[in-house]
Amino acid sequence: MKQKAIFYHAGCSVCVDAEQRLAGALNPAAFDVEIVHLGTDRSRLGEAEAAGVKSVPALVIEVHPYHINFGADLSALK
């Protein structure tokens, strides 16, 4: 069974680079990856916060958030 992975970002250069390098590198046989652009889909901000995301880019695998570098604080996207 594949693990659910959600990559949250805001479209900044740090986020786009992380998306290309990390989210694309996950084994598609092991992970079902969803990319969420919080800059254009603000309706998902609450979901990201509930998952433990504090800043983007961030990758959430199952229930574990992994913060990658620092592009933007979630509060800046509200």
N, C-alpha and C. Protein backbone atom coordinates (compact mmCIF):
# COMPACT_ATOMS: atom_id res chain seq x y z
N MET A 1 0.83 -1.19 0.00
CA MET A 1 0.00 0.00 0.00
C MET A 1 0.87 1.25 0.00
N LYS A 2 0.53 2.21 -0.84
CA LYS A 2 1.29 3.45 -0.93
C LYS A 2 1.04 4.35 0.27
N GLN A 3 2.07 5.08 0.66
CA GLN A 3 1.94 6.08 1.70
C GLN A 3 1.50 7.39 1.06
N LYS A 4 0.69 8.16 1.75
CA LYS A 4 0.23 9.45 1.27
C LYS A 4 1.27 10.50 1.62
N ALA A 5 1.68 11.29 0.64
CA ALA A 5 2.62 12.38 0.84
C ALA A 5 2.03 13.63 0.21
N ILE A 6 2.01 14.73 0.96
CA ILE A 6 1.51 15.99 0.44
C ILE A 6 2.65 17.01 0.53
N PHE A 7 2.97 17.60 -0.61
CA PHE A 7 4.00 18.63 -0.67
C PHE A 7 3.30 19.98 -0.74
N TYR A 8 3.43 20.78 0.33
CA TYR A 8 2.83 22.11 0.39
C TYR A 8 3.88 23.14 0.02
N HIS A 9 3.48 24.09 -0.83
CA HIS A 9 4.39 25.18 -1.18
C HIS A 9 3.60 26.42 -1.54
N ALA A 10 4.34 27.53 -1.75
CA ALA A 10 3.68 28.80 -2.05
C ALA A 10 4.11 29.38 -3.38
N GLY A 11 4.89 28.64 -4.14
CA GLY A 11 5.28 29.09 -5.46
C GLY A 11 6.55 29.90 -5.53
N CYS A 12 7.19 30.17 -4.39
CA CYS A 12 8.44 30.93 -4.40
C CYS A 12 9.56 30.08 -5.00
N SER A 13 10.69 30.68 -5.28
CA SER A 13 11.78 29.95 -5.92
C SER A 13 12.30 28.81 -5.05
N VAL A 14 12.35 29.02 -3.73
CA VAL A 14 12.77 27.95 -2.81
C VAL A 14 11.80 26.77 -2.90
N CYS A 15 10.50 27.09 -2.92
CA CYS A 15 9.47 26.06 -2.97
C CYS A 15 9.51 25.27 -4.28
N VAL A 16 9.64 25.99 -5.38
CA VAL A 16 9.66 25.33 -6.69
C VAL A 16 10.88 24.42 -6.80
N ASP A 17 12.03 24.88 -6.33
CA ASP A 17 13.23 24.05 -6.36
C ASP A 17 13.06 22.80 -5.51
N ALA A 18 12.48 22.97 -4.31
CA ALA A 18 12.25 21.81 -3.43
C ALA A 18 11.26 20.84 -4.07
N GLU A 19 10.24 21.36 -4.72
CA GLU A 19 9.27 20.49 -5.39
C GLU A 19 9.96 19.65 -6.46
N GLN A 20 10.77 20.28 -7.27
CA GLN A 20 11.45 19.58 -8.36
C GLN A 20 12.44 18.54 -7.83
N ARG A 21 13.14 18.88 -6.77
CA ARG A 21 14.18 17.99 -6.25
C ARG A 21 13.64 16.89 -5.34
N LEU A 22 12.70 17.24 -4.46
CA LEU A 22 12.28 16.29 -3.43
C LEU A 22 10.99 15.55 -3.76
N ALA A 23 9.94 16.29 -4.06
CA ALA A 23 8.66 15.63 -4.33
C ALA A 23 8.77 14.72 -5.54
N GLY A 24 9.51 15.15 -6.54
CA GLY A 24 9.69 14.33 -7.73
C GLY A 24 10.61 13.14 -7.51
N ALA A 25 11.40 13.17 -6.45
CA ALA A 25 12.34 12.10 -6.18
C ALA A 25 11.72 10.95 -5.39
N LEU A 26 10.53 11.15 -4.84
CA LEU A 26 9.89 10.08 -4.08
C LEU A 26 9.48 8.95 -5.01
N ASN A 27 9.71 7.76 -4.59
CA ASN A 27 9.39 6.58 -5.38
C ASN A 27 7.88 6.49 -5.61
N PRO A 28 7.42 6.59 -6.86
CA PRO A 28 5.98 6.55 -7.13
C PRO A 28 5.34 5.19 -6.79
N ALA A 29 6.13 4.16 -6.67
CA ALA A 29 5.59 2.86 -6.28
C ALA A 29 5.31 2.82 -4.78
N ALA A 30 5.97 3.70 -4.01
CA ALA A 30 5.82 3.70 -2.56
C ALA A 30 4.99 4.87 -2.04
N PHE A 31 4.92 5.96 -2.82
CA PHE A 31 4.25 7.17 -2.35
C PHE A 31 3.24 7.69 -3.35
N ASP A 32 2.08 8.07 -2.84
CA ASP A 32 1.07 8.78 -3.61
C ASP A 32 1.28 10.25 -3.26
N VAL A 33 1.91 11.02 -4.17
CA VAL A 33 2.30 12.40 -3.88
C VAL A 33 1.28 13.38 -4.46
N GLU A 34 0.84 14.30 -3.61
CA GLU A 34 -0.03 15.39 -4.03
C GLU A 34 0.72 16.69 -3.82
N ILE A 35 0.68 17.56 -4.81
CA ILE A 35 1.32 18.88 -4.72
C ILE A 35 0.22 19.91 -4.45
N VAL A 36 0.39 20.70 -3.40
CA VAL A 36 -0.59 21.72 -3.04
C VAL A 36 0.09 23.09 -3.04
N HIS A 37 -0.33 23.97 -3.93
CA HIS A 37 0.20 25.33 -4.03
C HIS A 37 -0.70 26.22 -3.17
N LEU A 38 -0.24 26.53 -1.96
CA LEU A 38 -1.04 27.32 -1.02
C LEU A 38 -1.17 28.77 -1.43
N GLY A 39 -0.33 29.22 -2.34
CA GLY A 39 -0.46 30.58 -2.84
C GLY A 39 -1.69 30.76 -3.71
N THR A 40 -2.10 29.69 -4.39
CA THR A 40 -3.27 29.76 -5.26
C THR A 40 -4.46 29.02 -4.69
N ASP A 41 -4.23 28.14 -3.71
CA ASP A 41 -5.32 27.38 -3.10
C ASP A 41 -5.33 27.60 -1.60
N ARG A 42 -5.70 28.81 -1.21
CA ARG A 42 -5.68 29.18 0.22
C ARG A 42 -6.70 28.39 1.05
N SER A 43 -7.65 27.74 0.41
CA SER A 43 -8.64 26.94 1.14
C SER A 43 -8.00 25.75 1.84
N ARG A 44 -6.77 25.41 1.48
CA ARG A 44 -6.08 24.28 2.09
C ARG A 44 -5.14 24.69 3.22
N LEU A 45 -5.10 25.98 3.56
CA LEU A 45 -4.23 26.45 4.65
C LEU A 45 -4.56 25.79 5.98
N GLY A 46 -5.83 25.68 6.32
CA GLY A 46 -6.23 25.05 7.58
C GLY A 46 -5.80 23.60 7.64
N GLU A 47 -5.92 22.91 6.53
CA GLU A 47 -5.47 21.51 6.44
C GLU A 47 -3.97 21.41 6.69
N ALA A 48 -3.21 22.32 6.08
CA ALA A 48 -1.75 22.31 6.26
C ALA A 48 -1.39 22.57 7.72
N GLU A 49 -2.04 23.56 8.32
CA GLU A 49 -1.79 23.86 9.74
C GLU A 49 -2.13 22.67 10.62
N ALA A 50 -3.25 22.03 10.36
CA ALA A 50 -3.67 20.87 11.15
C ALA A 50 -2.67 19.71 11.01
N ALA A 51 -1.98 19.66 9.88
CA ALA A 51 -0.98 18.61 9.65
C ALA A 51 0.35 18.94 10.31
N GLY A 52 0.45 20.14 10.90
CA GLY A 52 1.68 20.53 11.59
C GLY A 52 2.62 21.38 10.76
N VAL A 53 2.19 21.83 9.59
CA VAL A 53 3.03 22.66 8.74
C VAL A 53 3.10 24.07 9.34
N LYS A 54 4.32 24.56 9.52
CA LYS A 54 4.54 25.90 10.07
C LYS A 54 5.02 26.86 8.99
N SER A 55 5.74 26.33 8.01
CA SER A 55 6.27 27.13 6.92
C SER A 55 6.35 26.24 5.68
N VAL A 56 6.47 26.89 4.54
CA VAL A 56 6.61 26.15 3.29
C VAL A 56 7.96 26.48 2.68
N PRO A 57 8.53 25.56 1.94
CA PRO A 57 7.99 24.28 1.54
C PRO A 57 8.02 23.26 2.67
N ALA A 58 7.06 22.36 2.64
CA ALA A 58 6.98 21.29 3.63
C ALA A 58 6.39 20.05 2.98
N LEU A 59 6.87 18.92 3.40
CA LEU A 59 6.38 17.64 2.91
C LEU A 59 5.77 16.90 4.10
N VAL A 60 4.52 16.50 3.97
CA VAL A 60 3.85 15.73 5.02
C VAL A 60 3.69 14.31 4.51
N ILE A 61 4.30 13.37 5.21
CA ILE A 61 4.18 11.96 4.86
C ILE A 61 3.36 11.31 5.97
N GLU A 62 2.19 10.82 5.56
CA GLU A 62 1.20 10.30 6.51
C GLU A 62 0.88 11.40 7.52
N VAL A 63 1.36 11.32 8.73
CA VAL A 63 1.06 12.34 9.75
C VAL A 63 2.32 13.10 10.20
N HIS A 64 3.41 12.94 9.48
CA HIS A 64 4.68 13.54 9.88
C HIS A 64 5.07 14.68 8.95
N PRO A 65 5.10 15.94 9.47
CA PRO A 65 5.52 17.07 8.64
C PRO A 65 7.05 17.20 8.63
N TYR A 66 7.60 17.47 7.47
CA TYR A 66 9.03 17.70 7.29
C TYR A 66 9.20 19.07 6.64
N HIS A 67 9.80 19.99 7.36
CA HIS A 67 9.99 21.34 6.85
C HIS A 67 11.31 21.39 6.08
N ILE A 68 11.24 21.96 4.89
CA ILE A 68 12.38 21.98 3.99
C ILE A 68 12.79 23.43 3.78
N ASN A 69 13.98 23.80 4.26
CA ASN A 69 14.45 25.17 4.10
C ASN A 69 13.41 26.12 4.67
N PHE A 70 13.37 27.35 4.23
CA PHE A 70 12.35 28.28 4.70
C PHE A 70 12.01 29.22 3.56
N GLY A 71 10.83 29.05 3.02
CA GLY A 71 10.36 29.91 1.94
C GLY A 71 9.42 30.98 2.48
N ALA A 72 8.40 30.55 3.24
CA ALA A 72 7.42 31.49 3.79
C ALA A 72 6.72 30.86 4.99
N ASP A 73 6.46 31.68 5.98
CA ASP A 73 5.67 31.27 7.12
C ASP A 73 4.21 31.17 6.68
N LEU A 74 3.47 30.19 7.20
CA LEU A 74 2.06 30.05 6.80
C LEU A 74 1.26 31.31 7.10
N SER A 75 1.59 32.01 8.16
CA SER A 75 0.84 33.22 8.50
C SER A 75 0.95 34.27 7.39
N ALA A 76 2.02 34.27 6.63
CA ALA A 76 2.20 35.22 5.53
C ALA A 76 1.28 34.91 4.36
N LEU A 77 0.73 33.70 4.32
CA LEU A 77 -0.15 33.29 3.21
C LEU A 77 -1.61 33.57 3.49
N LYS A 78 -1.92 33.94 4.71
CA LYS A 78 -3.33 34.17 5.09
C LYS A 78 -3.82 35.50 4.60
